[in-house]
Protein backbone atom coordinates (compact mmCIF):
# COMPACT_ATOMS: atom_id res chain seq x y z
CA MET A 1 0.01 0.00 -0.01
CA ASP A 2 1.58 3.23 -1.16
CA GLU A 3 1.51 6.18 1.19
CA GLN A 4 0.80 9.59 -0.29
CA PRO A 5 3.46 12.23 0.37
CA PHE A 6 2.64 15.16 2.54
CA THR A 7 1.34 18.35 1.01
CA ASP A 8 3.18 21.65 1.41
CA ASP A 9 0.68 22.72 4.08
CA GLU A 10 1.21 19.51 6.02
CA TYR A 11 5.00 19.94 5.83
CA ALA A 12 4.62 23.57 7.06
CA PHE A 13 2.56 22.32 9.98
CA LEU A 14 5.12 19.68 10.93
CA ARG A 15 7.97 22.25 10.76
CA HIS A 16 5.99 24.58 13.00
CA ALA A 17 5.23 21.76 15.43
CA ARG A 18 8.86 20.76 15.61
CA PHE A 19 10.69 24.13 15.59
CA GLY A 20 8.01 26.63 16.63
CA GLU A 21 7.64 30.09 15.24
CA LEU A 22 10.47 31.98 13.61
CA PRO A 23 11.68 35.17 15.32
CA PRO A 24 10.72 38.46 13.66
CA ALA A 25 12.96 39.57 10.79
CA VAL A 26 15.56 42.23 11.52
CA ARG A 27 14.60 45.53 9.97
CA PRO A 28 17.13 47.20 7.64
CA ASP A 29 17.59 50.16 10.00
CA GLU A 30 18.51 47.74 12.85
CA ARG A 31 21.30 46.02 10.91
CA VAL A 32 24.94 46.76 11.54
CA ALA A 33 28.04 46.13 9.50
CA LEU A 34 30.18 43.13 10.57
CA THR A 35 33.66 43.98 11.79
CA GLU A 36 36.16 41.17 12.17
CA THR A 37 38.45 41.79 15.15
CA ASP A 38 40.55 38.61 15.33
CA PRO A 39 42.99 37.57 12.58
CA GLY A 40 42.43 34.23 10.95
CA ARG A 41 44.03 31.35 12.87
CA ASP A 42 44.63 29.02 9.94
CA ARG A 43 48.15 30.28 9.21
CA PRO A 44 50.89 31.72 11.41
CA GLU A 45 51.50 35.45 11.33
CA GLU A 46 54.19 36.73 8.94
CA SER A 47 56.41 38.02 11.74
CA GLU A 48 57.11 34.56 13.08
CA ASP A 49 59.85 32.20 11.86
CA PRO A 50 58.41 30.04 9.02
CA ILE A 51 60.93 27.24 9.82
CA ARG A 52 59.33 26.80 13.24
CA TRP A 53 56.01 25.98 11.56
CA ASN A 54 57.46 23.40 9.16
CA VAL A 55 56.25 20.27 10.99
CA GLN A 56 57.25 16.98 9.47
CA GLY A 57 55.78 13.76 10.77
């Protein structure tokens, strides 16, 4: 016996039942520009000795 897939309205109800209501959207006048304060940590800084970071296993 084949089951019929849910309709979009049924999926919307199931999402609402599981996750609840979304918070209100942020208005454009409440938005701020993102400012990164920490440097990326994936590579050592240029001032350090590159030989020190040459790890061989």
